[in-house]
PDB file of N, CA and C in Angstrom:
ATOM      1  N   MET A   1     173.053  -1.741 202.176  1.00  0.00           N
ATOM      2  CA  MET A   1     172.924  -0.345 202.575  1.00  0.00           C
ATOM      3  C   MET A   1     171.916  -0.244 203.720  1.00  0.00           C
ATOM      4  N   ALA A   2     172.281   0.480 204.761  1.00  0.00           N
ATOM      5  CA  ALA A   2     171.411   0.630 205.923  1.00  0.00           C
ATOM      6  C   ALA A   2     170.268   1.592 205.618  1.00  0.00           C
ATOM      7  N   ARG A   3     169.143   1.301 206.190  1.00  0.00           N
ATOM      8  CA  ARG A   3     167.972   2.152 205.993  1.00  0.00           C
ATOM      9  C   ARG A   3     168.088   3.387 206.872  1.00  0.00           C
ATOM     10  N   GLN A   4     167.785   4.549 206.306  1.00  0.00           N
ATOM     11  CA  GLN A   4     167.902   5.804 207.037  1.00  0.00           C
ATOM     12  C   GLN A   4     166.661   6.054 207.870  1.00  0.00           C
ATOM     13  N   LYS A   5     166.855   6.618 209.055  1.00  0.00           N
ATOM     14  CA  LYS A   5     165.756   6.991 209.913  1.00  0.00           C
ATOM     15  C   LYS A   5     165.350   8.423 209.565  1.00  0.00           C
ATOM     16  N   LYS A   6     164.104   8.616 209.172  1.00  0.00           N
ATOM     17  CA  LYS A   6     163.610   9.944 208.803  1.00  0.00           C
ATOM     18  C   LYS A   6     162.550  10.362 209.810  1.00  0.00           C
ATOM     19  N   ARG A   7     162.632  11.623 210.264  1.00  0.00           N
ATOM     20  CA  ARG A   7     161.700  12.133 211.261  1.00  0.00           C
ATOM     21  C   ARG A   7     161.069  13.415 210.755  1.00  0.00           C
ATOM     22  N   PHE A   8     159.787  13.578 211.003  1.00  0.00           N
ATOM     23  CA  PHE A   8     159.115  14.824 210.640  1.00  0.00           C
ATOM     24  C   PHE A   8     159.332  15.865 211.723  1.00  0.00           C
ATOM     25  N   ILE A   9     159.389  17.134 211.314  1.00  0.00           N
ATOM     26  CA  ILE A   9     159.591  18.249 212.234  1.00  0.00           C
ATOM     27  C   ILE A   9     158.231  18.896 212.461  1.00  0.00           C
ATOM     28  N   ALA A  10     157.652  18.668 213.628  1.00  0.00           N
ATOM     29  CA  ALA A  10     156.308  19.159 213.936  1.00  0.00           C
ATOM     30  C   ALA A  10     156.276  20.683 213.988  1.00  0.00           C
ATOM     31  N   GLY A  11     155.307  21.262 213.315  1.00  0.00           N
ATOM     32  CA  GLY A  11     155.100  22.707 213.354  1.00  0.00           C
ATOM     33  C   GLY A  11     156.007  23.503 212.441  1.00  0.00           C
ATOM     34  N   ALA A  12     156.897  22.840 211.715  1.00  0.00           N
ATOM     35  CA  ALA A  12     157.830  23.548 210.835  1.00  0.00           C
ATOM     36  C   ALA A  12     157.162  23.861 209.495  1.00  0.00           C
ATOM     37  N   THR A  13     157.555  24.987 208.910  1.00  0.00           N
ATOM     38  CA  THR A  13     157.005  25.424 207.630  1.00  0.00           C
ATOM     39  C   THR A  13     158.106  25.424 206.582  1.00  0.00           C
ATOM     40  N   CYS A  14     157.796  24.917 205.401  1.00  0.00           N
ATOM     41  CA  CYS A  14     158.762  24.876 204.306  1.00  0.00           C
ATOM     42  C   CYS A  14     159.049  26.304 203.837  1.00  0.00           C
ATOM     43  N   PRO A  15     160.333  26.673 203.702  1.00  0.00           N
ATOM     44  CA  PRO A  15     160.662  28.032 203.257  1.00  0.00           C
ATOM     45  C   PRO A  15     160.328  28.284 201.791  1.00  0.00           C
ATOM     46  N   LYS A  16     160.121  27.241 201.006  1.00  0.00           N
ATOM     47  CA  LYS A  16     159.838  27.425 199.587  1.00  0.00           C
ATOM     48  C   LYS A  16     158.334  27.452 199.290  1.00  0.00           C
ATOM     49  N   CYS A  17     157.583  26.438 199.767  1.00  0.00           N
ATOM     50  CA  CYS A  17     156.155  26.349 199.424  1.00  0.00           C
ATOM     51  C   CYS A  17     155.231  26.758 200.568  1.00  0.00           C
ATOM     52  N   ASP A  18     155.773  27.103 201.732  1.00  0.00           N
ATOM     53  CA  ASP A  18     155.015  27.543 202.917  1.00  0.00           C
ATOM     54  C   ASP A  18     154.043  26.501 203.451  1.00  0.00           C
ATOM     55  N   SER A  19     154.248  25.227 203.149  1.00  0.00           N
ATOM     56  CA  SER A  19     153.402  24.164 203.699  1.00  0.00           C
ATOM     57  C   SER A  19     153.876  23.816 205.100  1.00  0.00           C
ATOM     58  N   MET A  20     152.920  23.613 206.009  1.00  0.00           N
ATOM     59  CA  MET A  20     153.265  23.274 207.384  1.00  0.00           C
ATOM     60  C   MET A  20     153.240  21.761 207.581  1.00  0.00           C
ATOM     61  N   ASP A  21     154.122  21.273 208.443  1.00  0.00           N
ATOM     62  CA  ASP A  21     154.238  19.857 208.801  1.00  0.00           C
ATOM     63  C   ASP A  21     154.585  18.963 207.614  1.00  0.00           C
ATOM     64  N   THR A  22     155.415  19.445 206.702  1.00  0.00           N
ATOM     65  CA  THR A  22     155.837  18.628 205.566  1.00  0.00           C
ATOM     66  C   THR A  22     157.347  18.431 205.530  1.00  0.00           C
ATOM     67  N   LEU A  23     158.071  18.937 206.530  1.00  0.00           N
ATOM     68  CA  LEU A  23     159.529  18.815 206.540  1.00  0.00           C
ATOM     69  C   LEU A  23     159.972  17.578 207.296  1.00  0.00           C
ATOM     70  N   MET A  24     160.883  16.816 206.688  1.00  0.00           N
ATOM     71  CA  MET A  24     161.461  15.657 207.364  1.00  0.00           C
ATOM     72  C   MET A  24     162.964  15.844 207.494  1.00  0.00           C
ATOM     73  N   LEU A  25     163.499  15.329 208.575  1.00  0.00           N
ATOM     74  CA  LEU A  25     164.915  15.453 208.901  1.00  0.00           C
ATOM     75  C   LEU A  25     165.557  14.077 208.805  1.00  0.00           C
ATOM     76  N   PHE A  26     166.719  14.003 208.166  1.00  0.00           N
ATOM     77  CA  PHE A  26     167.464  12.757 208.086  1.00  0.00           C
ATOM     78  C   PHE A  26     168.943  13.083 207.949  1.00  0.00           C
ATOM     79  N   ILE A  27     169.782  12.082 208.166  1.00  0.00           N
ATOM     80  CA  ILE A  27     171.237  12.262 208.089  1.00  0.00           C
ATOM     81  C   ILE A  27     171.745  11.574 206.834  1.00  0.00           C
ATOM     82  N   GLU A  28     172.526  12.323 206.050  1.00  0.00           N
ATOM     83  CA  GLU A  28     173.122  11.800 204.825  1.00  0.00           C
ATOM     84  C   GLU A  28     174.580  12.221 204.782  1.00  0.00           C
ATOM     85  N   ASN A  29     175.485  11.257 204.714  1.00  0.00           N
ATOM     86  CA  ASN A  29     176.935  11.532 204.719  1.00  0.00           C
ATOM     87  C   ASN A  29     177.343  12.349 205.943  1.00  0.00           C
ATOM     88  N   ASP A  30     176.800  11.996 207.090  1.00  0.00           N
ATOM     89  CA  ASP A  30     177.080  12.662 208.375  1.00  0.00           C
ATOM     90  C   ASP A  30     176.667  14.127 208.402  1.00  0.00           C
ATOM     91  N   VAL A  31     175.725  14.524 207.560  1.00  0.00           N
ATOM     92  CA  VAL A  31     175.203  15.893 207.537  1.00  0.00           C
ATOM     93  C   VAL A  31     173.686  15.818 207.667  1.00  0.00           C
ATOM     94  N   GLU A  32     173.119  16.629 208.592  1.00  0.00           N
ATOM     95  CA  GLU A  32     171.668  16.660 208.743  1.00  0.00           C
ATOM     96  C   GLU A  32     171.041  17.358 207.544  1.00  0.00           C
ATOM     97  N   GLN A  33     170.102  16.693 206.907  1.00  0.00           N
ATOM     98  CA  GLN A  33     169.401  17.222 205.748  1.00  0.00           C
ATOM     99  C   GLN A  33     167.925  17.393 206.101  1.00  0.00           C
ATOM    100  N   VAL A  34     167.301  18.408 205.521  1.00  0.00           N
ATOM    101  CA  VAL A  34     165.867  18.634 205.690  1.00  0.00           C
ATOM    102  C   VAL A  34     165.256  18.669 204.300  1.00  0.00           C
ATOM    103  N   GLU A  35     164.141  17.941 204.124  1.00  0.00           N
ATOM    104  CA  GLU A  35     163.484  17.899 202.824  1.00  0.00           C
ATOM    105  C   GLU A  35     161.975  18.026 203.000  1.00  0.00           C
ATOM    106  N   CYS A  36     161.353  18.803 202.127  1.00  0.00           N
ATOM    107  CA  CYS A  36     159.906  18.955 202.121  1.00  0.00           C
ATOM    108  C   CYS A  36     159.326  17.816 201.282  1.00  0.00           C
ATOM    109  N   VAL A  37     158.369  17.084 201.849  1.00  0.00           N
ATOM    110  CA  VAL A  37     157.780  15.967 201.108  1.00  0.00           C
ATOM    111  C   VAL A  37     156.773  16.445 200.066  1.00  0.00           C
ATOM    112  N   LYS A  38     156.365  17.701 200.141  1.00  0.00           N
ATOM    113  CA  LYS A  38     155.401  18.228 199.173  1.00  0.00           C
ATOM    114  C   LYS A  38     156.079  18.771 197.918  1.00  0.00           C
ATOM    115  N   CYS A  39     157.050  19.683 198.083  1.00  0.00           N
ATOM    116  CA  CYS A  39     157.687  20.317 196.916  1.00  0.00           C
ATOM    117  C   CYS A  39     159.098  19.805 196.651  1.00  0.00           C
ATOM    118  N   LYS A  40     159.616  18.915 197.512  1.00  0.00           N
ATOM    119  CA  LYS A  40     160.957  18.313 197.379  1.00  0.00           C
ATOM    120  C   LYS A  40     162.104  19.303 197.584  1.00  0.00           C
ATOM    121  N   HIS A  41     161.813  20.489 198.151  1.00  0.00           N
ATOM    122  CA  HIS A  41     162.872  21.443 198.474  1.00  0.00           C
ATOM    123  C   HIS A  41     163.757  20.810 199.540  1.00  0.00           C
ATOM    124  N   ARG A  42     165.073  20.927 199.373  1.00  0.00           N
ATOM    125  CA  ARG A  42     166.017  20.276 200.271  1.00  0.00           C
ATOM    126  C   ARG A  42     167.092  21.261 200.705  1.00  0.00           C
ATOM    127  N   PHE A  43     167.435  21.219 201.979  1.00  0.00           N
ATOM    128  CA  PHE A  43     168.491  22.088 202.488  1.00  0.00           C
ATOM    129  C   PHE A  43     169.126  21.447 203.711  1.00  0.00           C
ATOM    130  N   SER A  44     170.281  21.991 204.094  1.00  0.00           N
ATOM    131  CA  SER A  44     170.966  21.532 205.297  1.00  0.00           C
ATOM    132  C   SER A  44     171.440  22.746 206.064  1.00  0.00           C
ATOM    133  N   GLU A  45     171.644  22.549 207.343  1.00  0.00           N
ATOM    134  CA  GLU A  45     172.123  23.631 208.196  1.00  0.00           C
ATOM    135  C   GLU A  45     173.644  23.636 208.199  1.00  0.00           C
ATOM    136  N   PRO A  46     174.259  24.817 208.164  1.00  0.00           N
ATOM    137  CA  PRO A  46     175.726  24.881 208.216  1.00  0.00           C
ATOM    138  C   PRO A  46     176.257  24.352 209.545  1.00  0.00           C
ATOM    139  N   LYS A  47     177.466  23.813 209.516  1.00  0.00           N
ATOM    140  CA  LYS A  47     178.066  23.234 210.712  1.00  0.00           C
ATOM    141  C   LYS A  47     178.231  24.244 211.840  1.00  0.00           C
ATOM    142  N   GLN A  48     178.590  25.496 211.526  1.00  0.00           N
ATOM    143  CA  GLN A  48     178.848  26.465 212.589  1.00  0.00           C
ATOM    144  C   GLN A  48     177.581  26.883 213.318  1.00  0.00           C
ATOM    145  N   GLN A  49     176.419  26.670 212.738  1.00  0.00           N
ATOM    146  CA  GLN A  49     175.172  27.027 213.401  1.00  0.00           C
ATOM    147  C   GLN A  49     174.795  25.915 214.375  1.00  0.00           C
ATOM    148  N   GLY A  50     174.352  26.298 215.553  1.00  0.00           N
ATOM    149  CA  GLY A  50     173.921  25.319 216.531  1.00  0.00           C
ATOM    150  C   GLY A  50     175.051  24.589 217.213  1.00  0.00           C
ATOM    151  N   THR A  51     176.222  25.208 217.311  1.00  0.00           N
ATOM    152  CA  THR A  51     177.349  24.529 217.940  1.00  0.00           C
ATOM    153  C   THR A  51     177.298  24.596 219.450  1.00  0.00           C
ATOM    154  N   GLY A  52     176.393  25.377 220.005  1.00  0.00           N
ATOM    155  CA  GLY A  52     176.269  25.438 221.455  1.00  0.00           C
ATOM    156  C   GLY A  52     176.302  26.866 221.958  1.00  0.00           C
ATOM    157  N   SER A  53     176.263  26.971 223.237  1.00  0.00           N
ATOM    158  CA  SER A  53     176.213  28.276 223.866  1.00  0.00           C
ATOM    159  C   SER A  53     177.605  28.877 224.002  1.00  0.00           C
ATOM    160  N   GLU A  54     177.663  30.179 223.975  1.00  0.00           N
ATOM    161  CA  GLU A  54     178.938  30.858 224.171  1.00  0.00           C
ATOM    162  C   GLU A  54     179.112  31.309 225.615  1.00  0.00           C
ATOM    163  N   ARG A  55     178.080  31.092 226.437  1.00  0.00           N
ATOM    164  CA  ARG A  55     178.205  31.464 227.838  1.00  0.00           C
ATOM    165  C   ARG A  55     179.094  30.451 228.553  1.00  0.00           C
ATOM    166  N   GLU A  56     179.874  30.938 229.524  1.00  0.00           N
ATOM    167  CA  GLU A  56     180.862  30.095 230.181  1.00  0.00           C
ATOM    168  C   GLU A  56     180.230  28.996 231.032  1.00  0.00           C
ATOM    169  N   PHE A  57     179.186  29.299 231.798  1.00  0.00           N
ATOM    170  CA  PHE A  57     178.600  28.336 232.723  1.00  0.00           C
ATOM    171  C   PHE A  57     177.171  27.968 232.316  1.00  0.00           C
ATOM    172  N   ASP A  58     176.943  27.729 231.054  1.00  0.00           N
ATOM    173  CA  ASP A  58     175.601  27.441 230.548  1.00  0.00           C
ATOM    174  C   ASP A  58     175.040  26.145 231.134  1.00  0.00           C
ATOM    175  N   GLN A  59     175.856  25.133 231.354  1.00  0.00           N
ATOM    176  CA  GLN A  59     175.394  23.844 231.836  1.00  0.00           C
ATOM    177  C   GLN A  59     175.329  23.755 233.360  1.00  0.00           C
ATOM    178  N   VAL A  60     175.791  24.767 234.077  1.00  0.00           N
ATOM    179  CA  VAL A  60     175.818  24.742 235.535  1.00  0.00           C
ATOM    180  C   VAL A  60     174.461  25.177 236.075  1.00  0.00           C
ATOM    181  N   ILE A  61     173.843  24.314 236.891  1.00  0.00           N
ATOM    182  CA  ILE A  61     172.556  24.637 237.497  1.00  0.00           C
ATOM    183  C   ILE A  61     172.766  25.510 238.737  1.00  0.00           C
ATOM    184  N   GLY A  62     173.718  25.166 239.533  1.00  0.00           N
ATOM    185  CA  GLY A  62     174.013  25.929 240.749  1.00  0.00           C
ATOM    186  C   GLY A  62     175.389  25.557 241.263  1.00  0.00           C
ATOM    187  N   VAL A  63     175.910  26.364 242.141  1.00  0.00           N
ATOM    188  CA  VAL A  63     177.225  26.108 242.708  1.00  0.00           C
ATOM    189  C   VAL A  63     177.043  25.947 244.221  1.00  0.00           C
ATOM    190  N   PHE A  64     177.488  24.803 244.737  1.00  0.00           N
ATOM    191  CA  PHE A  64     177.378  24.513 246.162  1.00  0.00           C
ATOM    192  C   PHE A  64     178.589  25.090 246.880  1.00  0.00           C
ATOM    193  N   LYS A  65     178.327  25.951 247.860  1.00  0.00           N
ATOM    194  CA  LYS A  65     179.407  26.565 248.634  1.00  0.00           C
ATOM    195  C   LYS A  65     179.216  26.193 250.100  1.00  0.00           C
ATOM    196  N   PRO A  66     179.937  25.177 250.576  1.00  0.00           N
ATOM    197  CA  PRO A  66     179.785  24.798 252.001  1.00  0.00           C
ATOM    198  C   PRO A  66     180.370  25.885 252.907  1.00  0.00           C
ATOM    199  N   GLU A  67     179.723  26.059 254.043  1.00  0.00           N
ATOM    200  CA  GLU A  67     180.192  27.117 254.970  1.00  0.00           C
ATOM    201  C   GLU A  67     180.977  26.550 256.096  1.00  0.00           C
TER     202      GLU A  67
END
């Protein structure tokens, strides 16, 4: 079994125990999971959240128009 890479989320506060800097992020079964190392509260973000921008040209920095 491969070892999972776990990262702490700086400045984040646990929604259950209100402790700061205790949340770690890791991937389990291709789903991002967040767990508090203090109270063991665990949650994941729904797939539809964070899917990207709805604006049409969000990635465009500028448009070059030669004259």
